[in-house]
Amino acid sequence: MIQMSNPLETAELLAFARVVDAKSLSRAAAELGVPRATIGRRLARLEQRLGTRLLRRTTRSLALTDAGEVFYRQARIVLDALAQAQASIRSTDEVMRGDLRVSIPPVNDEALLGMITAFAKEHPDVRLQVDASTRLVDLLREGYHLALRASTDIPPGLIARTIQRDKVIAVASPEYLAKYGTPRSVKDLRKHRCVTGFARGELPQGTWRIGRSEVHVESAFSSNNIRLQREAAIRGVGITLLPSFLVSDLLKTGALVQVLPGVVETASQLAVVYPEREYLPRHVRAFIDVLAQWRPSDEVLSHASRESPSRRGTKGHHRKG
C-alpha cells in the first residue's frame, strides 16, 4: 500500500506523467522546458512522498512498476481535471488551446489530411501531435486523446463515436471452392485453408470471431495487408474474412464468392475512440466533432480494418455516434 506523509505537488505529478508519456527523462525535460536534473529531483521527491518505487530506470530503458501503473492512471485523471479547470477559466476568450495527441492509420487520404491541417491552422494555440501508424496505441496509458479505430468491441474506459459502419464476410474464389469444396457449416471452416491477419504482433490468427463465438481456423497465408489478403483469396489461396465494401465489386463479377452467407458475418465500424471522461477539453471535443463529419475513402477503411474481429478487446462502454 502506498504511504503518503506529505501532500503531493502538481509539478511532481506533471513530471512523472510526462516522463511516462515520453518514455524518457530528457524528452520530458525538453517538453516542460526545465533541466533534466530537475525532472530527476521531482521524480525522487514524488517516490519519497509515496514511499514506493514508481519507475524502474536503467541507462537504456524506463518502465513503470506495478505501483507506478496504478498511480499513473490516477495521476492522469488529476492532471486532466486540472487542465480542464484551467481551460474553463481561459475559455472566456473563445480561443482553443492545449495539447492534442491523435492516432490514425498510415494513409494518404486527402480529405483526412486536409481536415487535420485545416483544424491546426484554425486553432494555432492547439499543439497537435498526430501518430500515423498501424500500432494499436493504449489511449489511457500512453496519453492519447483519441484514435481512429475499426472495432465494435470497445475496451473499458473508452467511448466510440461511429463514423461509418460495414460488415465483414467470408469469401473465396470459385477456383478454391471447386478444388476444396464449399463449407456447409461454421465447423467446416476448420478443415479449410484460410487467409488471415495477425492476432498479436506477427502471430497468425488461429481463430475467427463469428457472432459471439469463435471458430478455430487453419492459417495457410497471413498478412497485415488487407489488400494482399484479398489478392490471395482471388488467386485461390484460401477463404478469408474481408469488409464487404472491399469485395462488393468482385462478388458481382464472380471473381469471389461469399461463403456461408448470413452465417459467417460480423459487424464492423470505423469510429473515433477516446477515453471516457465527464469533461472533455473543448479542443478535443471540437476535433472529434470535425472527424465525425468526415467520410473516409476505401484506403482509410482498408487500413483501419486490419484490426480484425479476433484482435479486439473485451466489451466496454460504447456510445453510438
C-alpha atoms as a PDB file:
ATOM      1  CA  MET A   1       0.000   0.000   0.000  1.00  0.00           C
ATOM      2  CA  ILE A   2       1.275   3.476  -0.863  1.00  0.00           C
ATOM      3  CA  GLN A   3       2.024   5.525   2.243  1.00  0.00           C
ATOM      4  CA  MET A   4       1.924   9.308   1.805  1.00  0.00           C
ATOM      5  CA  SER A   5       3.407  11.508   4.542  1.00  0.00           C
ATOM      6  CA  ASN A   6       3.333  14.866   2.696  1.00  0.00           C
ATOM      7  CA  PRO A   7       0.916  16.415   0.173  1.00  0.00           C
ATOM      8  CA  LEU A   8       1.862  15.877  -3.454  1.00  0.00           C
ATOM      9  CA  GLU A   9       2.882  18.763  -5.675  1.00  0.00           C
ATOM     10  CA  THR A  10       1.434  19.306  -9.135  1.00  0.00           C
ATOM     11  CA  ALA A  11       4.913  19.794 -10.598  1.00  0.00           C
ATOM     12  CA  GLU A  12       5.905  16.332  -9.393  1.00  0.00           C
ATOM     13  CA  LEU A  13       2.781  14.723 -10.861  1.00  0.00           C
ATOM     14  CA  LEU A  14       3.346  16.528 -14.152  1.00  0.00           C
ATOM     15  CA  ALA A  15       7.000  15.473 -14.295  1.00  0.00           C
ATOM     16  CA  PHE A  16       6.055  11.851 -13.627  1.00  0.00           C
ATOM     17  CA  ALA A  17       3.281  11.798 -16.269  1.00  0.00           C
ATOM     18  CA  ARG A  18       5.475  13.478 -18.906  1.00  0.00           C
ATOM     19  CA  VAL A  19       8.298  11.000 -18.297  1.00  0.00           C
ATOM     20  CA  VAL A  20       5.895   8.077 -18.708  1.00  0.00           C
ATOM     21  CA  ASP A  21       4.353   9.558 -21.883  1.00  0.00           C
ATOM     22  CA  ALA A  22       7.714  10.491 -23.411  1.00  0.00           C
ATOM     23  CA  LYS A  23       9.467   7.308 -22.168  1.00  0.00           C
ATOM     24  CA  SER A  24      12.489   9.487 -21.489  1.00  0.00           C
ATOM     25  CA  LEU A  25      13.636  11.932 -18.803  1.00  0.00           C
ATOM     26  CA  SER A  26      15.420  14.045 -21.407  1.00  0.00           C
ATOM     27  CA  ARG A  27      12.387  14.356 -23.697  1.00  0.00           C
ATOM     28  CA  ALA A  28      10.119  15.113 -20.736  1.00  0.00           C
ATOM     29  CA  ALA A  29      12.524  17.836 -19.586  1.00  0.00           C
ATOM     30  CA  ALA A  30      12.585  19.357 -23.075  1.00  0.00           C
ATOM     31  CA  GLU A  31       8.778  19.350 -23.287  1.00  0.00           C
ATOM     32  CA  LEU A  32       8.454  21.018 -19.878  1.00  0.00           C
ATOM     33  CA  GLY A  33      11.307  23.432 -20.532  1.00  0.00           C
ATOM     34  CA  VAL A  34      13.318  22.509 -17.442  1.00  0.00           C
ATOM     35  CA  PRO A  35      16.724  20.832 -16.909  1.00  0.00           C
ATOM     36  CA  ARG A  36      16.844  17.045 -16.896  1.00  0.00           C
ATOM     37  CA  ALA A  37      18.185  17.140 -13.344  1.00  0.00           C
ATOM     38  CA  THR A  38      15.051  18.976 -12.214  1.00  0.00           C
ATOM     39  CA  ILE A  39      12.875  16.174 -13.588  1.00  0.00           C
ATOM     40  CA  GLY A  40      15.023  13.648 -11.750  1.00  0.00           C
ATOM     41  CA  ARG A  41      14.680  15.528  -8.465  1.00  0.00           C
ATOM     42  CA  ARG A  42      10.903  15.829  -8.836  1.00  0.00           C
ATOM     43  CA  LEU A  43      10.573  12.102  -9.503  1.00  0.00           C
ATOM     44  CA  ALA A  44      12.753  11.296  -6.493  1.00  0.00           C
ATOM     45  CA  ARG A  45      10.668  13.558  -4.239  1.00  0.00           C
ATOM     46  CA  LEU A  46       7.451  12.012  -5.536  1.00  0.00           C
ATOM     47  CA  GLU A  47       8.649   8.469  -4.843  1.00  0.00           C
ATOM     48  CA  GLN A  48       9.873   9.564  -1.410  1.00  0.00           C
ATOM     49  CA  ARG A  49       6.489  11.108  -0.560  1.00  0.00           C
ATOM     50  CA  LEU A  50       4.674   7.973  -1.701  1.00  0.00           C
ATOM     51  CA  GLY A  51       7.139   5.602  -0.090  1.00  0.00           C
ATOM     52  CA  THR A  52       7.329   3.363  -3.149  1.00  0.00           C
ATOM     53  CA  ARG A  53       9.197   2.972  -6.427  1.00  0.00           C
ATOM     54  CA  LEU A  54       7.177   4.156  -9.458  1.00  0.00           C
ATOM     55  CA  LEU A  55       9.729   3.726 -12.239  1.00  0.00           C
ATOM     56  CA  ARG A  56      12.490   1.229 -12.991  1.00  0.00           C
ATOM     57  CA  ARG A  57      15.257   3.222 -14.675  1.00  0.00           C
ATOM     58  CA  THR A  58      18.410   1.993 -16.382  1.00  0.00           C
ATOM     59  CA  THR A  59      20.787   3.720 -18.800  1.00  0.00           C
ATOM     60  CA  ARG A  60      18.786   2.337 -21.745  1.00  0.00           C
ATOM     61  CA  SER A  61      15.234   1.794 -20.590  1.00  0.00           C
ATOM     62  CA  LEU A  62      12.449   3.119 -18.406  1.00  0.00           C
ATOM     63  CA  ALA A  63       9.429   1.113 -17.237  1.00  0.00           C
ATOM     64  CA  LEU A  64       6.597   1.503 -14.764  1.00  0.00           C
ATOM     65  CA  THR A  65       6.452  -0.683 -11.681  1.00  0.00           C
ATOM     66  CA  ASP A  66       3.124  -2.256 -10.732  1.00  0.00           C
ATOM     67  CA  ALA A  67       2.542   0.580  -8.252  1.00  0.00           C
ATOM     68  CA  GLY A  68       3.599   3.058 -10.927  1.00  0.00           C
ATOM     69  CA  GLU A  69       0.993   1.792 -13.384  1.00  0.00           C
ATOM     70  CA  VAL A  70      -1.786   2.218 -10.831  1.00  0.00           C
ATOM     71  CA  PHE A  71      -0.536   5.640  -9.782  1.00  0.00           C
ATOM     72  CA  TYR A  72      -0.107   6.833 -13.391  1.00  0.00           C
ATOM     73  CA  ARG A  73      -3.766   6.189 -14.201  1.00  0.00           C
ATOM     74  CA  GLN A  74      -4.882   8.182 -11.174  1.00  0.00           C
ATOM     75  CA  ALA A  75      -2.329  10.938 -11.750  1.00  0.00           C
ATOM     76  CA  ARG A  76      -3.552  11.321 -15.334  1.00  0.00           C
ATOM     77  CA  ILE A  77      -7.112  11.820 -14.068  1.00  0.00           C
ATOM     78  CA  VAL A  78      -5.914  14.516 -11.674  1.00  0.00           C
ATOM     79  CA  LEU A  79      -3.838  16.315 -14.318  1.00  0.00           C
ATOM     80  CA  ASP A  80      -6.657  16.166 -16.860  1.00  0.00           C
ATOM     81  CA  ALA A  81      -9.036  17.629 -14.280  1.00  0.00           C
ATOM     82  CA  LEU A  82      -6.590  20.456 -13.580  1.00  0.00           C
ATOM     83  CA  ALA A  83      -6.202  21.117 -17.313  1.00  0.00           C
ATOM     84  CA  GLN A  84      -9.965  21.186 -17.692  1.00  0.00           C
ATOM     85  CA  ALA A  85     -10.271  23.627 -14.782  1.00  0.00           C
ATOM     86  CA  GLN A  86      -7.701  25.907 -16.392  1.00  0.00           C
ATOM     87  CA  ALA A  87      -9.432  25.608 -19.760  1.00  0.00           C
ATOM     88  CA  SER A  88     -12.781  26.582 -18.206  1.00  0.00           C
ATOM     89  CA  ILE A  89     -11.243  29.840 -16.990  1.00  0.00           C
ATOM     90  CA  ARG A  90      -9.477  30.548 -20.266  1.00  0.00           C
ATOM     91  CA  SER A  91     -12.480  29.653 -22.404  1.00  0.00           C
ATOM     92  CA  THR A  92     -13.972  33.091 -21.887  1.00  0.00           C
ATOM     93  CA  ASP A  93     -11.824  34.363 -24.766  1.00  0.00           C
ATOM     94  CA  GLU A  94     -13.197  31.584 -27.046  1.00  0.00           C
ATOM     95  CA  VAL A  95      -9.676  30.520 -28.007  1.00  0.00           C
ATOM     96  CA  MET A  96      -8.969  26.786 -28.000  1.00  0.00           C
ATOM     97  CA  ARG A  97      -5.594  25.795 -26.611  1.00  0.00           C
ATOM     98  CA  GLY A  98      -3.804  22.752 -25.266  1.00  0.00           C
ATOM     99  CA  ASP A  99      -2.157  19.515 -26.378  1.00  0.00           C
ATOM    100  CA  LEU A 100      -3.996  17.148 -28.726  1.00  0.00           C
ATOM    101  CA  ARG A 101      -2.465  13.685 -29.323  1.00  0.00           C
ATOM    102  CA  VAL A 102      -4.133  11.673 -32.084  1.00  0.00           C
ATOM    103  CA  SER A 103      -3.544   8.181 -33.517  1.00  0.00           C
ATOM    104  CA  ILE A 104      -4.586   7.458 -37.114  1.00  0.00           C
ATOM    105  CA  PRO A 105      -3.820   4.753 -39.729  1.00  0.00           C
ATOM    106  CA  PRO A 106      -0.874   5.497 -42.089  1.00  0.00           C
ATOM    107  CA  VAL A 107      -2.937   6.688 -45.062  1.00  0.00           C
ATOM    108  CA  ASN A 108      -2.791   9.343 -47.775  1.00  0.00           C
ATOM    109  CA  ASP A 109      -6.477  10.222 -47.765  1.00  0.00           C
ATOM    110  CA  GLU A 110      -6.521  13.862 -48.918  1.00  0.00           C
ATOM    111  CA  ALA A 111      -9.794  14.638 -47.144  1.00  0.00           C
ATOM    112  CA  LEU A 112      -8.465  13.354 -43.807  1.00  0.00           C
ATOM    113  CA  LEU A 113      -5.085  15.085 -44.096  1.00  0.00           C
ATOM    114  CA  GLY A 114      -6.739  18.299 -45.258  1.00  0.00           C
ATOM    115  CA  MET A 115      -9.178  18.218 -42.345  1.00  0.00           C
ATOM    116  CA  ILE A 116      -6.375  17.750 -39.813  1.00  0.00           C
ATOM    117  CA  THR A 117      -4.217  20.555 -41.215  1.00  0.00           C
ATOM    118  CA  ALA A 118      -7.236  22.879 -41.541  1.00  0.00           C
ATOM    119  CA  PHE A 119      -8.004  22.311 -37.850  1.00  0.00           C
ATOM    120  CA  ALA A 120      -4.376  23.071 -36.950  1.00  0.00           C
ATOM    121  CA  LYS A 121      -4.446  26.296 -38.965  1.00  0.00           C
ATOM    122  CA  GLU A 122      -7.780  27.422 -37.489  1.00  0.00           C
ATOM    123  CA  HIS A 123      -6.627  26.753 -33.910  1.00  0.00           C
ATOM    124  CA  PRO A 124      -2.944  27.780 -33.705  1.00  0.00           C
ATOM    125  CA  ASP A 125      -2.915  27.507 -29.894  1.00  0.00           C
ATOM    126  CA  VAL A 126      -3.693  23.768 -30.095  1.00  0.00           C
ATOM    127  CA  ARG A 127      -0.470  21.770 -30.146  1.00  0.00           C
ATOM    128  CA  LEU A 128      -1.476  18.914 -32.469  1.00  0.00           C
ATOM    129  CA  GLN A 129       0.547  15.673 -32.459  1.00  0.00           C
ATOM    130  CA  VAL A 130      -0.538  13.015 -34.993  1.00  0.00           C
ATOM    131  CA  ASP A 131       0.883   9.474 -34.872  1.00  0.00           C
ATOM    132  CA  ALA A 132       0.179   7.788 -38.234  1.00  0.00           C
ATOM    133  CA  SER A 133       0.999   4.087 -37.852  1.00  0.00           C
ATOM    134  CA  THR A 134      -0.517   0.600 -37.702  1.00  0.00           C
ATOM    135  CA  ARG A 135       0.358   0.369 -33.996  1.00  0.00           C
ATOM    136  CA  LEU A 136      -2.649  -0.071 -31.712  1.00  0.00           C
ATOM    137  CA  VAL A 137      -1.912   2.589 -29.097  1.00  0.00           C
ATOM    138  CA  ASP A 138      -3.093   2.352 -25.498  1.00  0.00           C
ATOM    139  CA  LEU A 139      -5.002   5.623 -25.169  1.00  0.00           C
ATOM    140  CA  LEU A 140      -5.304   5.515 -21.386  1.00  0.00           C
ATOM    141  CA  ARG A 141      -1.713   4.578 -20.644  1.00  0.00           C
ATOM    142  CA  GLU A 142       0.088   6.458 -23.421  1.00  0.00           C
ATOM    143  CA  GLY A 143      -1.740   9.742 -23.023  1.00  0.00           C
ATOM    144  CA  TYR A 144      -3.500   9.893 -26.396  1.00  0.00           C
ATOM    145  CA  HIS A 145      -6.683  11.948 -26.576  1.00  0.00           C
ATOM    146  CA  LEU A 146      -8.296   9.957 -29.387  1.00  0.00           C
ATOM    147  CA  ALA A 147      -7.733   7.408 -32.162  1.00  0.00           C
ATOM    148  CA  LEU A 148      -9.370   6.169 -35.347  1.00  0.00           C
ATOM    149  CA  ARG A 149     -10.276   2.505 -34.844  1.00  0.00           C
ATOM    150  CA  ALA A 150     -12.142  -0.259 -36.637  1.00  0.00           C
ATOM    151  CA  SER A 151     -13.894  -2.152 -33.867  1.00  0.00           C
ATOM    152  CA  THR A 152     -17.310  -2.982 -32.451  1.00  0.00           C
ATOM    153  CA  ASP A 153     -15.912  -4.005 -29.054  1.00  0.00           C
ATOM    154  CA  ILE A 154     -14.549  -1.077 -27.068  1.00  0.00           C
ATOM    155  CA  PRO A 155     -12.201  -1.683 -24.096  1.00  0.00           C
ATOM    156  CA  PRO A 156     -13.401  -0.472 -20.679  1.00  0.00           C
ATOM    157  CA  GLY A 157     -12.885   3.229 -20.079  1.00  0.00           C
ATOM    158  CA  LEU A 158     -13.246   4.199 -23.757  1.00  0.00           C
ATOM    159  CA  ILE A 159     -16.095   5.661 -25.796  1.00  0.00           C
ATOM    160  CA  ALA A 160     -16.589   5.203 -29.549  1.00  0.00           C
ATOM    161  CA  ARG A 161     -18.284   7.691 -31.854  1.00  0.00           C
ATOM    162  CA  THR A 162     -19.127   5.899 -35.085  1.00  0.00           C
ATOM    163  CA  ILE A 163     -18.074   7.370 -38.432  1.00  0.00           C
ATOM    164  CA  GLN A 164     -19.016   4.503 -40.747  1.00  0.00           C
ATOM    165  CA  ARG A 165     -20.476   1.005 -40.387  1.00  0.00           C
ATOM    166  CA  ASP A 166     -19.904  -2.069 -42.521  1.00  0.00           C
ATOM    167  CA  LYS A 167     -19.917  -5.852 -42.161  1.00  0.00           C
ATOM    168  CA  VAL A 168     -17.180  -8.434 -42.536  1.00  0.00           C
ATOM    169  CA  ILE A 169     -17.944 -11.537 -44.600  1.00  0.00           C
ATOM    170  CA  ALA A 170     -16.187 -14.749 -45.620  1.00  0.00           C
ATOM    171  CA  VAL A 171     -15.190 -15.048 -49.288  1.00  0.00           C
ATOM    172  CA  ALA A 172     -13.250 -17.416 -51.556  1.00  0.00           C
ATOM    173  CA  SER A 173     -12.599 -17.806 -55.260  1.00  0.00           C
ATOM    174  CA  PRO A 174     -14.625 -20.239 -57.418  1.00  0.00           C
ATOM    175  CA  GLU A 175     -11.321 -21.977 -58.177  1.00  0.00           C
ATOM    176  CA  TYR A 176     -10.668 -22.650 -54.491  1.00  0.00           C
ATOM    177  CA  LEU A 177     -14.190 -23.885 -53.799  1.00  0.00           C
ATOM    178  CA  ALA A 178     -14.091 -26.195 -56.822  1.00  0.00           C
ATOM    179  CA  LYS A 179     -10.839 -27.739 -55.560  1.00  0.00           C
ATOM    180  CA  TYR A 180     -11.505 -27.927 -51.800  1.00  0.00           C
ATOM    181  CA  GLY A 181     -15.302 -27.886 -51.597  1.00  0.00           C
ATOM    182  CA  THR A 182     -17.766 -25.366 -50.182  1.00  0.00           C
ATOM    183  CA  PRO A 183     -18.202 -25.212 -46.392  1.00  0.00           C
ATOM    184  CA  ARG A 184     -21.753 -26.073 -45.290  1.00  0.00           C
ATOM    185  CA  SER A 185     -21.355 -25.063 -41.629  1.00  0.00           C
ATOM    186  CA  VAL A 186     -19.079 -22.980 -39.437  1.00  0.00           C
ATOM    187  CA  LYS A 187     -17.398 -26.163 -38.190  1.00  0.00           C
ATOM    188  CA  ASP A 188     -16.372 -26.968 -41.764  1.00  0.00           C
ATOM    189  CA  LEU A 189     -14.059 -23.949 -41.742  1.00  0.00           C
ATOM    190  CA  ARG A 190     -11.663 -25.899 -39.527  1.00  0.00           C
ATOM    191  CA  LYS A 191     -10.920 -28.210 -42.450  1.00  0.00           C
ATOM    192  CA  HIS A 192     -10.161 -25.414 -44.929  1.00  0.00           C
ATOM    193  CA  ARG A 193      -7.162 -23.321 -45.842  1.00  0.00           C
ATOM    194  CA  CYS A 194      -7.716 -19.785 -44.551  1.00  0.00           C
ATOM    195  CA  VAL A 195      -6.170 -16.412 -45.314  1.00  0.00           C
ATOM    196  CA  THR A 196      -5.845 -14.470 -42.051  1.00  0.00           C
ATOM    197  CA  GLY A 197      -4.433 -11.373 -40.430  1.00  0.00           C
ATOM    198  CA  PHE A 198      -2.227 -11.302 -37.343  1.00  0.00           C
ATOM    199  CA  ALA A 199      -3.578 -11.898 -33.854  1.00  0.00           C
ATOM    200  CA  ARG A 200      -0.759 -10.307 -31.814  1.00  0.00           C
ATOM    201  CA  GLY A 201       2.304  -8.785 -33.376  1.00  0.00           C
ATOM    202  CA  GLU A 202       3.293 -11.209 -36.128  1.00  0.00           C
ATOM    203  CA  LEU A 203       1.436 -14.278 -34.857  1.00  0.00           C
ATOM    204  CA  PRO A 204      -1.033 -15.625 -37.470  1.00  0.00           C
ATOM    205  CA  GLN A 205      -4.651 -15.733 -36.355  1.00  0.00           C
ATOM    206  CA  GLY A 206      -5.826 -19.111 -35.160  1.00  0.00           C
ATOM    207  CA  THR A 207      -9.447 -18.139 -34.573  1.00  0.00           C
ATOM    208  CA  TRP A 208     -12.185 -16.079 -36.212  1.00  0.00           C
ATOM    209  CA  ARG A 209     -14.957 -14.472 -34.237  1.00  0.00           C
ATOM    210  CA  ILE A 210     -18.352 -15.457 -35.649  1.00  0.00           C
ATOM    211  CA  GLY A 211     -21.082 -13.529 -33.864  1.00  0.00           C
ATOM    212  CA  ARG A 212     -20.490 -14.112 -30.157  1.00  0.00           C
ATOM    213  CA  SER A 213     -18.469 -17.274 -30.620  1.00  0.00           C
ATOM    214  CA  GLU A 214     -15.118 -18.153 -32.131  1.00  0.00           C
ATOM    215  CA  VAL A 215     -14.100 -20.854 -34.587  1.00  0.00           C
ATOM    216  CA  HIS A 216     -10.602 -22.284 -34.912  1.00  0.00           C
ATOM    217  CA  VAL A 217      -9.114 -21.933 -38.392  1.00  0.00           C
ATOM    218  CA  GLU A 218      -6.000 -23.168 -40.162  1.00  0.00           C
ATOM    219  CA  SER A 219      -3.968 -20.204 -41.395  1.00  0.00           C
ATOM    220  CA  ALA A 220      -2.424 -21.020 -44.771  1.00  0.00           C
ATOM    221  CA  PHE A 221      -1.483 -17.412 -45.527  1.00  0.00           C
ATOM    222  CA  SER A 222      -1.215 -14.434 -43.154  1.00  0.00           C
ATOM    223  CA  SER A 223      -0.614 -10.731 -43.660  1.00  0.00           C
ATOM    224  CA  ASN A 224      -1.429  -7.418 -42.000  1.00  0.00           C
ATOM    225  CA  ASN A 225      -2.069  -6.004 -45.503  1.00  0.00           C
ATOM    226  CA  ILE A 226      -5.783  -6.438 -46.117  1.00  0.00           C
ATOM    227  CA  ARG A 227      -5.472  -5.897 -49.872  1.00  0.00           C
ATOM    228  CA  LEU A 228      -2.876  -8.661 -50.012  1.00  0.00           C
ATOM    229  CA  GLN A 229      -5.347 -10.912 -48.196  1.00  0.00           C
ATOM    230  CA  ARG A 230      -7.942 -10.079 -50.844  1.00  0.00           C
ATOM    231  CA  GLU A 231      -5.488 -10.838 -53.662  1.00  0.00           C
ATOM    232  CA  ALA A 232      -4.654 -14.186 -52.070  1.00  0.00           C
ATOM    233  CA  ALA A 233      -8.350 -15.050 -51.949  1.00  0.00           C
ATOM    234  CA  ILE A 234      -8.833 -14.055 -55.592  1.00  0.00           C
ATOM    235  CA  ARG A 235      -5.958 -16.332 -56.617  1.00  0.00           C
ATOM    236  CA  GLY A 236      -7.419 -19.322 -54.798  1.00  0.00           C
ATOM    237  CA  VAL A 237      -5.123 -19.472 -51.786  1.00  0.00           C
ATOM    238  CA  GLY A 238      -7.984 -19.877 -49.307  1.00  0.00           C
ATOM    239  CA  ILE A 239     -11.044 -18.473 -47.547  1.00  0.00           C
ATOM    240  CA  THR A 240     -10.727 -15.073 -45.901  1.00  0.00           C
ATOM    241  CA  LEU A 241     -12.739 -12.554 -43.894  1.00  0.00           C
ATOM    242  CA  LEU A 242     -12.960  -9.122 -45.515  1.00  0.00           C
ATOM    243  CA  PRO A 243     -15.066  -5.948 -45.199  1.00  0.00           C
ATOM    244  CA  SER A 244     -17.943  -6.070 -47.676  1.00  0.00           C
ATOM    245  CA  PHE A 245     -17.009  -2.717 -49.253  1.00  0.00           C
ATOM    246  CA  LEU A 246     -13.670  -4.218 -50.284  1.00  0.00           C
ATOM    247  CA  VAL A 247     -15.196  -7.195 -52.150  1.00  0.00           C
ATOM    248  CA  SER A 248     -18.598  -5.970 -53.376  1.00  0.00           C
ATOM    249  CA  ASP A 249     -17.447  -5.451 -56.987  1.00  0.00           C
ATOM    250  CA  LEU A 250     -15.628  -8.808 -57.016  1.00  0.00           C
ATOM    251  CA  LEU A 251     -18.770 -10.572 -55.799  1.00  0.00           C
ATOM    252  CA  LYS A 252     -20.750  -9.000 -58.648  1.00  0.00           C
ATOM    253  CA  THR A 253     -18.239 -10.149 -61.280  1.00  0.00           C
ATOM    254  CA  GLY A 254     -17.907 -13.625 -59.757  1.00  0.00           C
ATOM    255  CA  ALA A 255     -14.186 -13.276 -59.016  1.00  0.00           C
ATOM    256  CA  LEU A 256     -15.089 -14.058 -55.410  1.00  0.00           C
ATOM    257  CA  VAL A 257     -17.989 -15.969 -53.845  1.00  0.00           C
ATOM    258  CA  GLN A 258     -19.436 -15.359 -50.403  1.00  0.00           C
ATOM    259  CA  VAL A 259     -19.018 -18.344 -48.097  1.00  0.00           C
ATOM    260  CA  LEU A 260     -21.758 -19.224 -45.596  1.00  0.00           C
ATOM    261  CA  PRO A 261     -23.796 -16.045 -46.271  1.00  0.00           C
ATOM    262  CA  GLY A 262     -25.900 -14.950 -43.336  1.00  0.00           C
ATOM    263  CA  VAL A 263     -23.889 -17.240 -41.059  1.00  0.00           C
ATOM    264  CA  VAL A 264     -20.276 -16.046 -41.189  1.00  0.00           C
ATOM    265  CA  GLU A 265     -20.895 -12.317 -40.943  1.00  0.00           C
ATOM    266  CA  THR A 266     -19.874  -9.862 -38.269  1.00  0.00           C
ATOM    267  CA  ALA A 267     -20.385  -6.148 -37.763  1.00  0.00           C
ATOM    268  CA  SER A 268     -17.569  -3.680 -38.365  1.00  0.00           C
ATOM    269  CA  GLN A 269     -17.302   0.034 -37.771  1.00  0.00           C
ATOM    270  CA  LEU A 270     -14.827   2.868 -38.133  1.00  0.00           C
ATOM    271  CA  ALA A 271     -15.045   5.079 -35.076  1.00  0.00           C
ATOM    272  CA  VAL A 272     -13.337   7.859 -33.179  1.00  0.00           C
ATOM    273  CA  VAL A 273     -12.336   6.296 -29.862  1.00  0.00           C
ATOM    274  CA  TYR A 274     -11.475   8.403 -26.822  1.00  0.00           C
ATOM    275  CA  PRO A 275     -11.168   7.990 -23.034  1.00  0.00           C
ATOM    276  CA  GLU A 276     -14.387   8.270 -21.086  1.00  0.00           C
ATOM    277  CA  ARG A 277     -14.316  11.453 -19.040  1.00  0.00           C
ATOM    278  CA  GLU A 278     -17.027  13.604 -17.530  1.00  0.00           C
ATOM    279  CA  TYR A 279     -15.472  16.715 -19.079  1.00  0.00           C
ATOM    280  CA  LEU A 280     -13.664  16.671 -22.405  1.00  0.00           C
ATOM    281  CA  PRO A 281     -11.406  19.642 -23.160  1.00  0.00           C
ATOM    282  CA  ARG A 282     -13.021  21.948 -25.713  1.00  0.00           C
ATOM    283  CA  HIS A 283     -10.341  21.429 -28.349  1.00  0.00           C
ATOM    284  CA  VAL A 284     -10.608  17.624 -28.050  1.00  0.00           C
ATOM    285  CA  ARG A 285     -14.390  17.672 -28.431  1.00  0.00           C
ATOM    286  CA  ALA A 286     -14.103  20.071 -31.377  1.00  0.00           C
ATOM    287  CA  PHE A 287     -11.666  17.760 -33.154  1.00  0.00           C
ATOM    288  CA  ILE A 288     -13.954  14.765 -32.534  1.00  0.00           C
ATOM    289  CA  ASP A 289     -16.886  16.727 -33.993  1.00  0.00           C
ATOM    290  CA  VAL A 290     -14.874  17.512 -37.121  1.00  0.00           C
ATOM    291  CA  LEU A 291     -13.834  13.875 -37.558  1.00  0.00           C
ATOM    292  CA  ALA A 292     -17.433  12.718 -37.165  1.00  0.00           C
ATOM    293  CA  GLN A 293     -18.430  14.749 -40.252  1.00  0.00           C
ATOM    294  CA  TRP A 294     -15.690  13.229 -42.424  1.00  0.00           C
ATOM    295  CA  ARG A 295     -16.383  10.371 -44.824  1.00  0.00           C
ATOM    296  CA  PRO A 296     -13.384   8.051 -45.224  1.00  0.00           C
ATOM    297  CA  SER A 297     -12.076   6.691 -48.508  1.00  0.00           C
ATOM    298  CA  ASP A 298     -11.610   2.979 -49.212  1.00  0.00           C
ATOM    299  CA  GLU A 299      -7.916   3.329 -48.375  1.00  0.00           C
ATOM    300  CA  VAL A 300      -8.654   4.526 -44.851  1.00  0.00           C
ATOM    301  CA  LEU A 301     -11.215   1.771 -44.302  1.00  0.00           C
ATOM    302  CA  SER A 302      -8.733  -0.820 -45.569  1.00  0.00           C
ATOM    303  CA  HIS A 303      -6.029   0.297 -43.143  1.00  0.00           C
ATOM    304  CA  ALA A 304      -8.441   0.583 -40.233  1.00  0.00           C
ATOM    305  CA  SER A 305      -9.923  -2.842 -40.946  1.00  0.00           C
ATOM    306  CA  ARG A 306      -6.563  -4.503 -40.255  1.00  0.00           C
ATOM    307  CA  GLU A 307      -7.699  -4.664 -36.649  1.00  0.00           C
ATOM    308  CA  SER A 308      -9.595  -7.876 -37.186  1.00  0.00           C
ATOM    309  CA  PRO A 309     -12.524  -9.010 -35.013  1.00  0.00           C
ATOM    310  CA  SER A 310     -10.476 -11.575 -33.120  1.00  0.00           C
ATOM    311  CA  ARG A 311      -7.965  -8.939 -32.011  1.00  0.00           C
ATOM    312  CA  ARG A 312     -10.405  -6.612 -30.319  1.00  0.00           C
ATOM    313  CA  GLY A 313     -10.583  -6.178 -26.581  1.00  0.00           C
ATOM    314  CA  THR A 314     -13.373  -7.009 -24.203  1.00  0.00           C
ATOM    315  CA  LYS A 315     -16.572  -5.075 -24.430  1.00  0.00           C
ATOM    316  CA  GLY A 316     -16.757  -1.813 -22.546  1.00  0.00           C
ATOM    317  CA  HIS A 317     -18.748   1.388 -22.669  1.00  0.00           C
ATOM    318  CA  HIS A 318     -19.917   2.188 -26.169  1.00  0.00           C
ATOM    319  CA  ARG A 319     -21.639   5.336 -27.275  1.00  0.00           C
ATOM    320  CA  LYS A 320     -23.028   5.309 -30.798  1.00  0.00           C
ATOM    321  CA  GLY A 321     -22.351   8.324 -32.957  1.00  0.00           C
END
